[in-house]
Structures are given as structure tokens and as C-alpha cells.
């Protein structure tokens, strides 16, 4: 029986067979690697072509995004075929308008092996020896931060933070078992290992200090320890609540629509961010004009503005912002790498409006200008 293919995402992306790296050339095709990693991180669900395109070509404009994605898939499948590794055949499934990593594929993926060991240890409530074994197994699987060579990608950071916190909690649970046996030297060793990957953790520092003092030797030390752990748990609940409150609209999959006051604050924030990212942000004023100047139909005009808003929401990207500026105007902000591509975006909106609204008596005109950053 041949050894299972092993995929690592901790401490960098890699694919191995019998501990030897395969598909090395993926490292030279950045978009193909990111395409694969995103599917792996979301292996239990199909990812739409639109989401993948926005992920890999943010700020760029292509006439046929589907072709660009099919090219990445072709490159990956060609690399797999060249290796002759049967276990990776059909590893990416083509759904209708989406791609998905094959969840039934018999391969080992380190982040899921880690989470599985953690979950099994959590369920193991009456066997400390088995629980200790599972916790140690999970800790050994965590070999470094998630995809450190791609940590500038916005979709890597949230998952990396979740896994890092899970690793700390796993180490703390393992330390609790070591305390029962008075194995303070091992606790220090565990803390040192955690700090190699996560230099700053108050919980781990506290455990290290307690172990160095040979455990909870006095009542005052025990009280100090209990107070620290209670405060840490309170902060964990608090930050979880704040994050949940701020993510109430996380399911929204269209451009951000807001009132003018909010739009103005977003504008000011974007000016500051431009100094750090180096991106170009464009401001657009889009105006609807009735070709029949002598006839004023408020209800029909409002329907036309609503139709234009829907086109803007779905043709623009999730990070773009829209507000109603006047009875016949929208202000729009979005990042692209050039003025020419900004025009392509707005032309896409205009053609969508003409195609979907059936309001031939209206014309859409717009003006585009780049935003200045806060130093300009």
C-alpha cells in the first residue's frame, strides 16, 4: 500500500509523498498556488468563479474571468498529470459556476489533522492519558503559522489567527495535565516551544513563570493565577462579542451601500490607507439623465435609480462603496490599478444597466477622478 499524499499549510505550502516534496513547480506559479490554497482552506464548500476571480485578480479587469480561472485549473492538472500521482487525480471538482477541493480525496492535510486531534482531545473527558496523547499529537502538527509566505492575503489572516489561538489553547490544556503530575520541567519545555511560533502570549508567559517557581506553592500565587486566568477568559469573551457584532453583515456579497455621511468617513479612511497600500482609489459620480427633458416622472425616475443601484452592487466588488448623492446621482469608490481599468468598470456598470433595466429613455453618464492620499 503506497503512502498517503501529505499536504502542509502550516509553515508554508507543500505537497509530499513518502516525505519527499512533489509538485515543486507550484512555488513558481503564485496564482495557481493561491488558487489551490484557497480551495484547501474552504474544502467543504464550492467556491464561485466570481469569488475566486476577485480573490486572485483584485483591482484588475478581464473580459472573460472564466477563461483565466480555467487556465489556472489546466496548469494545476497538467502538473499533477506530469507527476503521475494517482491520489491527486480529480482533486479539484468543477461545479456549476464554481470549483471545490474534492472533500472525499484520501490525502492528509495538516491543518485538518490538527483540528481533528484537538476535537478528539476535547471529547476525551475521562481518560487523561489518551487526552494527553491527542493534545501532544495536535501540538506536533502545528509547525508554524499558516501560509507565512502568503500572510499579506486578506483571507489568510483570519484563519491563521484562529489556528494560532487554537494552538495556544491546546498547549494550555496540555500544561494543565502536566501540572497534575508536577512535571514543571516539561511545562517549561512546552512554553518554550509555543514561544518559538508565538513570541507574545500572556497566558503562556504566565504558565512559564508559574512553572519556574515550581508550581502553585502558596495561596497568594494561586489567587494571582486564578485572577489572571479569569481576566483572560473575560477578554476572550469580550473580543468574541465585539467581533460578532462587527461581522453582522459578513454574509453580504455585494458592494457596500451607505448614506453620504458614512461614505464621507469611508473616503477619509481610504485616503489614509492609500499611504500604506500604494493602491489607487477612484471616485466616480454616476448620473442618470432622462432623454425626455420635458417630462418629469418621479416614480419612474426612482425605479431607474433603484435599477442602477442593483447593477452597481452586483457589478462592483465587495470592497467598493456606493452612496446616493442626489435624486439622480450615485457616488462610487473603488480601487483599480489604472484610469483605463476604472473606465472599464464603469462601462461594465453602464452596459449592465442598459441590458437589465429596459429603461431606454434614460442614459447613464459618469465622471472618474483618482483620490489623493492624506499627504497629497
Protein backbone atom coordinates (compact mmCIF):
# COMPACT_ATOMS: atom_id res chain seq x y z
CA UNK A 1 0.00 0.00 0.00
CA UNK A 2 1.52 3.32 -1.07
CA UNK A 3 1.96 6.14 1.41
CA UNK A 4 -0.77 8.77 1.56
CA UNK A 5 -0.15 12.15 -0.05
CA UNK A 6 0.50 14.76 2.62
CA UNK A 7 -0.28 18.47 2.19
CA UNK A 8 1.12 21.09 4.56
CA UNK A 9 -0.23 24.61 5.08
CA UNK A 10 1.46 25.28 8.41
CA UNK A 11 4.88 26.91 7.99
CA UNK A 12 4.40 27.13 4.22
CA UNK A 13 2.60 25.26 1.45
CA UNK A 14 3.94 21.87 0.35
CA UNK A 15 2.81 18.55 -1.09
CA UNK A 16 4.71 15.39 -0.10
CA UNK A 17 4.79 11.70 -0.92
CA UNK A 18 6.92 9.45 1.30
CA UNK A 19 8.30 12.65 2.88
CA UNK A 20 9.63 13.81 -0.49
CA UNK A 21 8.26 17.04 -1.98
CA UNK A 22 6.23 16.77 -5.19
CA UNK A 23 4.75 19.48 -7.46
CA UNK A 24 7.67 21.76 -6.55
CA UNK A 25 7.00 23.92 -9.59
CA UNK A 26 3.79 25.19 -7.94
CA UNK A 27 6.02 27.56 -5.97
CA UNK A 28 6.85 29.31 -9.27
CA UNK A 29 3.20 29.87 -10.23
CA UNK A 30 1.89 32.18 -7.49
CA UNK A 31 -1.72 32.49 -8.66
CA UNK A 32 -2.05 28.73 -9.20
CA UNK A 33 -0.72 28.12 -5.69
CA UNK A 34 -3.08 30.71 -4.15
CA UNK A 35 -5.98 29.22 -6.13
CA UNK A 36 -5.19 25.79 -4.69
CA UNK A 37 -4.62 27.04 -1.12
CA UNK A 38 -7.93 28.92 -1.07
CA UNK A 39 -9.79 25.80 -2.16
CA UNK A 40 -7.98 23.77 0.51
CA UNK A 41 -8.89 26.26 3.26
CA UNK A 42 -12.53 26.06 2.15
CA UNK A 43 -12.59 22.40 1.14
CA UNK A 44 -16.10 21.71 2.44
CA UNK A 45 -17.86 24.10 0.07
CA UNK A 46 -17.77 25.08 -3.62
CA UNK A 47 -16.24 28.49 -4.34
CA UNK A 48 -17.87 30.57 -7.06
CA UNK A 49 -15.91 31.77 -10.07
CA UNK A 50 -16.70 35.35 -9.07
CA UNK A 51 -15.24 34.92 -5.58
CA UNK A 52 -12.10 33.25 -6.92
CA UNK A 53 -11.62 35.90 -9.59
CA UNK A 54 -11.96 38.76 -7.08
CA UNK A 55 -9.54 36.96 -4.80
CA UNK A 56 -6.81 36.41 -7.40
CA UNK A 57 -7.22 39.44 -9.67
CA UNK A 58 -8.48 42.12 -7.28
CA UNK A 59 -8.39 45.53 -8.97
CA UNK A 60 -7.83 44.03 -12.42
CA UNK A 61 -10.33 43.81 -15.22
CA UNK A 62 -10.67 40.86 -17.60
CA UNK A 63 -13.15 40.40 -20.41
CA UNK A 64 -13.51 36.69 -19.57
CA UNK A 65 -12.74 35.79 -15.92
CA UNK A 66 -13.86 32.20 -16.51
CA UNK A 67 -11.07 31.69 -19.04
CA UNK A 68 -8.45 32.99 -16.58
CA UNK A 69 -9.65 30.53 -13.92
CA UNK A 70 -9.77 27.62 -16.36
CA UNK A 71 -6.17 28.39 -17.27
CA UNK A 72 -5.13 28.03 -13.60
CA UNK A 73 -7.01 24.75 -13.32
CA UNK A 74 -5.41 23.47 -16.51
CA UNK A 75 -1.93 24.34 -15.20
CA UNK A 76 -2.55 22.54 -11.92
CA UNK A 77 -3.97 19.44 -13.58
CA UNK A 78 -1.04 19.37 -16.04
CA UNK A 79 1.42 19.44 -13.11
CA UNK A 80 -0.46 16.62 -11.37
CA UNK A 81 -0.53 14.54 -14.55
CA UNK A 82 3.21 15.05 -15.04
CA UNK A 83 3.94 13.60 -11.57
CA UNK A 84 1.85 10.50 -12.17
CA UNK A 85 0.42 10.67 -8.62
CA UNK A 86 -2.95 8.92 -8.90
CA UNK A 87 -4.04 10.14 -5.44
CA UNK A 88 -4.32 13.72 -6.75
CA UNK A 89 -6.47 12.92 -9.77
CA UNK A 90 -9.81 14.75 -9.60
CA UNK A 91 -8.55 16.71 -6.60
CA UNK A 92 -10.37 19.81 -7.87
CA UNK A 93 -14.02 19.38 -8.82
CA UNK A 94 -15.78 21.61 -11.35
CA UNK A 95 -19.23 22.57 -10.13
CA UNK A 96 -21.70 24.77 -12.00
CA UNK A 97 -20.07 28.19 -11.84
CA UNK A 98 -17.72 27.06 -9.05
CA UNK A 99 -14.69 24.96 -8.11
CA UNK A 100 -14.15 22.85 -5.00
CA UNK A 101 -11.38 20.78 -3.49
CA UNK A 102 -12.56 17.16 -3.53
CA UNK A 103 -13.56 16.53 0.13
CA UNK A 104 -13.54 12.74 -0.42
CA UNK A 105 -9.92 12.65 -1.56
CA UNK A 106 -7.76 10.37 0.61
CA UNK A 107 -4.97 12.84 1.44
CA UNK A 108 -3.60 14.19 4.71
CA UNK A 109 -3.89 17.97 5.22
CA UNK A 110 -2.06 19.16 8.32
CA UNK A 111 -4.48 21.89 9.47
CA UNK A 112 -7.42 19.46 9.40
CA UNK A 113 -5.40 16.72 11.09
CA UNK A 114 -4.56 19.31 13.77
CA UNK A 115 -8.20 20.32 14.26
CA UNK A 116 -9.29 16.68 14.34
CA UNK A 117 -6.77 15.86 17.10
CA UNK A 118 -7.89 18.92 19.10
CA UNK A 119 -11.57 17.96 18.78
CA UNK A 120 -10.92 14.37 19.83
CA UNK A 121 -8.92 15.57 22.83
CA UNK A 122 -11.78 17.88 23.84
CA UNK A 123 -14.22 14.95 23.72
CA UNK A 124 -11.87 12.79 25.79
CA UNK A 125 -13.06 13.77 29.28
CA UNK A 126 -12.43 10.61 31.34
CA UNK A 127 -9.04 9.39 30.15
CA UNK A 128 -6.19 11.79 30.91
CA UNK A 129 -3.59 9.54 29.31
CA UNK A 130 -5.43 9.42 25.97
CA UNK A 131 -6.20 13.13 26.15
CA UNK A 132 -2.53 13.93 26.77
CA UNK A 133 -1.56 11.80 23.76
CA UNK A 134 -4.02 13.61 21.48
CA UNK A 135 -3.01 17.08 22.71
CA UNK A 136 0.65 16.27 22.12
CA UNK A 137 -0.20 14.97 18.65
CA UNK A 138 -2.01 18.23 17.84
CA UNK A 139 0.89 20.33 19.11
CA UNK A 140 3.36 18.40 16.96
CA UNK A 141 1.22 19.03 13.86
CA UNK A 142 1.43 22.80 14.38
CA UNK A 143 4.82 23.51 12.80
CA UNK A 144 4.44 27.26 12.25
CA UNK A 145 1.96 29.95 11.24
CA UNK A 146 -0.49 29.30 8.42
CA UNK A 147 0.96 30.08 4.95
CA UNK A 148 3.53 32.62 6.19
CA UNK A 149 4.66 33.37 2.62
CA UNK A 150 1.09 34.49 1.81
CA UNK A 151 0.28 36.35 5.02
CA UNK A 152 -0.40 39.55 3.07
CA UNK A 153 -3.50 37.92 1.61
CA UNK A 154 -6.58 39.16 3.49
CA UNK A 155 -8.17 35.69 3.55
CA UNK A 156 -5.16 34.04 5.19
CA UNK A 157 -5.03 36.25 8.29
CA UNK A 158 -8.39 35.33 9.96
CA UNK A 159 -7.79 31.59 9.63
CA UNK A 160 -4.18 31.98 10.78
CA UNK A 161 -5.36 33.79 13.92
CA UNK A 162 -7.98 31.11 14.67
CA UNK A 163 -5.41 28.31 14.32
CA UNK A 164 -2.83 30.19 16.39
CA UNK A 165 -5.33 30.71 19.23
CA UNK A 166 -6.38 27.07 18.99
CA UNK A 167 -2.74 26.03 19.28
CA UNK A 168 -2.30 28.18 22.41
CA UNK A 169 -5.42 26.68 23.99
CA UNK A 170 -4.16 23.19 23.13
CA UNK A 171 -0.84 23.94 24.81
CA UNK A 172 -2.62 25.31 27.90
CA UNK A 173 -4.79 22.17 28.13
CA UNK A 174 -1.66 20.02 27.85
CA UNK A 175 0.03 22.09 30.57
CA UNK A 176 -2.95 21.53 32.89
CA UNK A 177 -2.40 17.76 32.60
CA UNK A 178 1.33 18.16 33.27
CA UNK A 179 0.56 20.12 36.42
CA UNK A 180 -1.30 17.15 37.86
CA UNK A 181 1.94 15.16 37.73
CA UNK A 182 4.12 18.07 38.85
CA UNK A 183 6.09 17.92 35.57
CA UNK A 184 7.29 21.53 35.70
CA UNK A 185 10.34 20.95 33.54
CA UNK A 186 8.09 19.66 30.77
CA UNK A 187 5.81 22.68 31.20
CA UNK A 188 8.79 24.97 30.64
CA UNK A 189 9.73 22.97 27.55
CA UNK A 190 6.17 23.28 26.19
CA UNK A 191 6.13 27.04 26.82
CA UNK A 192 9.47 27.44 25.04
CA UNK A 193 8.14 25.53 22.04
CA UNK A 194 5.00 27.67 21.85
CA UNK A 195 7.06 30.87 22.08
CA UNK A 196 9.12 29.80 19.06
CA UNK A 197 5.96 30.21 16.95
CA UNK A 198 4.07 32.79 19.01
CA UNK A 199 6.51 35.09 20.84
CA UNK A 200 3.81 37.09 22.65
CA UNK A 201 1.17 35.22 24.68
CA UNK A 202 0.36 36.37 28.19
CA UNK A 203 -1.19 33.01 29.05
CA UNK A 204 1.96 31.11 28.07
CA UNK A 205 4.22 33.64 29.81
CA UNK A 206 2.18 33.24 32.98
CA UNK A 207 2.43 29.44 32.82
CA UNK A 208 6.17 29.72 32.25
CA UNK A 209 6.58 31.94 35.32
CA UNK A 210 4.49 29.62 37.47
CA UNK A 211 6.47 26.58 36.34
CA UNK A 212 9.77 28.35 37.00
CA UNK A 213 8.59 28.94 40.55
CA UNK A 214 7.84 25.19 40.79
CA UNK A 215 4.08 25.42 40.70
CA UNK A 216 1.40 26.97 42.84
CA UNK A 217 3.33 26.79 46.11
CA UNK A 218 1.46 29.47 48.05
CA UNK A 219 -2.15 30.59 48.36
CA UNK A 220 -1.26 34.09 47.14
CA UNK A 221 0.32 32.66 43.98
CA UNK A 222 -2.78 30.53 43.38
CA UNK A 223 -5.04 33.57 43.78
CA UNK A 224 -2.88 35.58 41.39
CA UNK A 225 -3.01 32.76 38.87
CA UNK A 226 -6.81 32.42 39.16
CA UNK A 227 -7.30 36.17 38.74
CA UNK A 228 -5.11 36.17 35.64
CA UNK A 229 -6.96 33.26 34.05
CA UNK A 230 -10.38 34.80 34.85
CA UNK A 231 -9.32 38.11 33.30
CA UNK A 232 -8.02 36.29 30.23
CA UNK A 233 -11.32 34.41 29.80
CA UNK A 234 -13.30 37.66 30.21
CA UNK A 235 -11.21 39.32 27.49
CA UNK A 236 -11.69 36.33 25.19
CA UNK A 237 -15.47 36.56 25.57
CA UNK A 238 -15.41 40.31 25.11
CA UNK A 239 -13.37 40.32 21.91
CA UNK A 240 -15.54 37.49 20.54
CA UNK A 241 -18.66 39.58 21.21
CA UNK A 242 -17.18 42.69 19.58
CA UNK A 243 -16.11 40.71 16.51
CA UNK A 244 -19.56 39.09 16.20
CA UNK A 245 -21.21 42.49 16.46
CA UNK A 246 -18.98 43.95 13.74
CA UNK A 247 -19.47 40.97 11.43
CA UNK A 248 -23.28 41.08 11.32
CA UNK A 249 -23.11 41.89 7.58
CA UNK A 250 -20.37 39.36 6.78
CA UNK A 251 -22.75 37.41 4.52
CA UNK A 252 -23.18 40.41 2.23
CA UNK A 253 -21.62 39.58 -1.12
CA UNK A 254 -22.05 42.87 -2.99
CA UNK A 255 -20.60 46.37 -2.92
CA UNK A 256 -21.15 48.37 0.30
CA UNK A 257 -24.14 50.76 0.14
CA UNK A 258 -24.29 53.54 2.73
CA UNK A 259 -25.54 57.04 3.47
CA UNK A 260 -23.47 60.05 2.43
CA UNK A 261 -22.12 60.74 5.95
CA UNK A 262 -20.78 57.19 6.19
CA UNK A 263 -19.44 57.40 2.62
CA UNK A 264 -17.50 60.51 3.59
CA UNK A 265 -15.92 58.71 6.56
CA UNK A 266 -15.02 55.76 4.33
CA UNK A 267 -13.44 58.25 1.91
CA UNK A 268 -11.31 59.73 4.70
CA UNK A 269 -10.23 56.29 5.88
CA UNK A 270 -9.33 55.24 2.34
CA UNK A 271 -7.11 58.30 1.94
CA UNK A 272 -5.11 57.17 4.98
CA UNK A 273 -4.93 53.55 3.78
CA UNK A 274 -3.63 54.62 0.36
CA UNK A 275 -0.41 55.78 2.06
CA UNK A 276 0.24 52.22 3.26
CA UNK A 277 -1.04 50.08 0.40
CA UNK A 278 0.12 52.11 -2.59
CA UNK A 279 -3.17 51.34 -4.35
CA UNK A 280 -5.09 53.86 -6.42
CA UNK A 281 -8.66 54.57 -5.36
CA UNK A 282 -11.06 56.21 -7.80
CA UNK A 283 -14.13 58.34 -7.06
CA UNK A 284 -16.93 58.23 -9.63
CA UNK A 285 -20.08 60.32 -9.94
CA UNK A 286 -22.72 58.40 -11.90
CA UNK A 287 -25.75 60.37 -13.10
CA UNK A 288 -28.98 59.22 -14.75
CA UNK A 289 -30.49 61.60 -17.30
CA UNK A 290 -33.92 61.25 -18.90
CA UNK A 291 -33.83 61.71 -22.66
CA UNK A 292 -37.29 63.30 -22.44
CA UNK A 293 -36.40 66.60 -20.78
CA UNK A 294 -39.97 67.91 -20.84
CA UNK A 295 -41.49 65.01 -18.92
CA UNK A 296 -40.81 64.56 -15.22
CA UNK A 297 -41.92 61.21 -13.76
CA UNK A 298 -40.68 60.93 -10.14
CA UNK A 299 -41.80 57.32 -9.64
CA UNK A 300 -40.22 56.13 -12.86
CA UNK A 301 -37.04 58.10 -12.10
CA UNK A 302 -36.85 56.41 -8.70
CA UNK A 303 -37.31 52.96 -10.29
CA UNK A 304 -34.47 53.80 -12.67
CA UNK A 305 -32.22 54.82 -9.76
CA UNK A 306 -33.08 51.60 -7.92
CA UNK A 307 -32.24 49.58 -11.04
CA UNK A 308 -28.92 51.40 -11.36
CA UNK A 309 -28.10 50.72 -7.70
CA UNK A 310 -28.68 46.98 -8.17
CA UNK A 311 -26.39 46.98 -11.20
CA UNK A 312 -23.70 48.85 -9.24
CA UNK A 313 -23.94 46.46 -6.29
CA UNK A 314 -23.52 43.37 -8.41
CA UNK A 315 -21.03 44.62 -11.00
CA UNK A 316 -18.72 46.18 -8.41
CA UNK A 317 -16.76 44.24 -5.78
CA UNK A 318 -17.35 43.70 -2.07
CA UNK A 319 -14.73 46.29 -1.06
CA UNK A 320 -16.29 49.06 -3.19
CA UNK A 321 -18.60 51.72 -1.71
CA UNK A 322 -21.74 53.41 -3.06
CA UNK A 323 -23.96 56.21 -1.74
CA UNK A 324 -26.93 58.17 -3.04
CA UNK A 325 -25.62 61.71 -3.60
CA UNK A 326 -28.71 63.35 -5.08
CA UNK A 327 -32.02 62.40 -6.63
CA UNK A 328 -30.29 61.33 -9.86
CA UNK A 329 -26.68 60.66 -8.77
CA UNK A 330 -24.62 57.99 -7.01
CA UNK A 331 -21.09 58.49 -5.69
CA UNK A 332 -18.91 55.37 -6.02
CA UNK A 333 -15.41 54.49 -4.72
CA UNK A 334 -13.35 51.52 -5.88
CA UNK A 335 -9.66 50.55 -6.23
CA UNK A 336 -8.11 49.62 -9.59
CA UNK A 337 -4.58 49.89 -10.91
CA UNK A 338 -5.22 52.44 -13.69
CA UNK A 339 -7.65 55.02 -15.01
CA UNK A 340 -8.28 52.83 -18.05
CA UNK A 341 -9.43 49.96 -15.86
CA UNK A 342 -11.62 52.35 -13.85
CA UNK A 343 -13.35 53.27 -17.12
CA UNK A 344 -13.80 49.55 -17.91
CA UNK A 345 -15.51 49.04 -14.54
CA UNK A 346 -17.96 51.86 -15.14
CA UNK A 347 -18.61 50.74 -18.71
CA UNK A 348 -19.50 47.34 -17.30
CA UNK A 349 -21.98 49.03 -14.94
CA UNK A 350 -23.45 51.11 -17.75
CA UNK A 351 -23.91 48.14 -20.10
CA UNK A 352 -25.47 46.12 -17.28
CA UNK A 353 -27.96 48.93 -16.62
CA UNK A 354 -28.96 49.21 -20.27
CA UNK A 355 -29.23 45.43 -20.62
CA UNK A 356 -31.23 44.72 -17.44
CA UNK A 357 -33.40 47.77 -16.78
CA UNK A 358 -35.30 48.10 -20.10
CA UNK A 359 -35.38 51.83 -19.40
CA UNK A 360 -34.25 53.02 -22.82
CA UNK A 361 -35.38 56.59 -22.21
CA UNK A 362 -32.55 57.05 -19.64
CA UNK A 363 -28.86 57.49 -20.25
CA UNK A 364 -26.07 56.95 -17.72
CA UNK A 365 -23.16 59.40 -17.67
CA UNK A 366 -20.24 59.41 -15.27
CA UNK A 367 -17.02 61.20 -14.32
CA UNK A 368 -13.99 59.50 -12.72
CA UNK A 369 -11.18 61.00 -10.66
CA UNK A 370 -8.41 59.38 -8.57
CA UNK A 371 -8.44 60.05 -4.82
CA UNK A 372 -5.48 61.80 -3.26
CA UNK A 373 -3.87 60.23 -0.22
CA UNK A 374 -3.73 62.19 3.02
CA UNK A 375 -0.26 63.62 2.28
CA UNK A 376 -1.15 64.96 -1.17
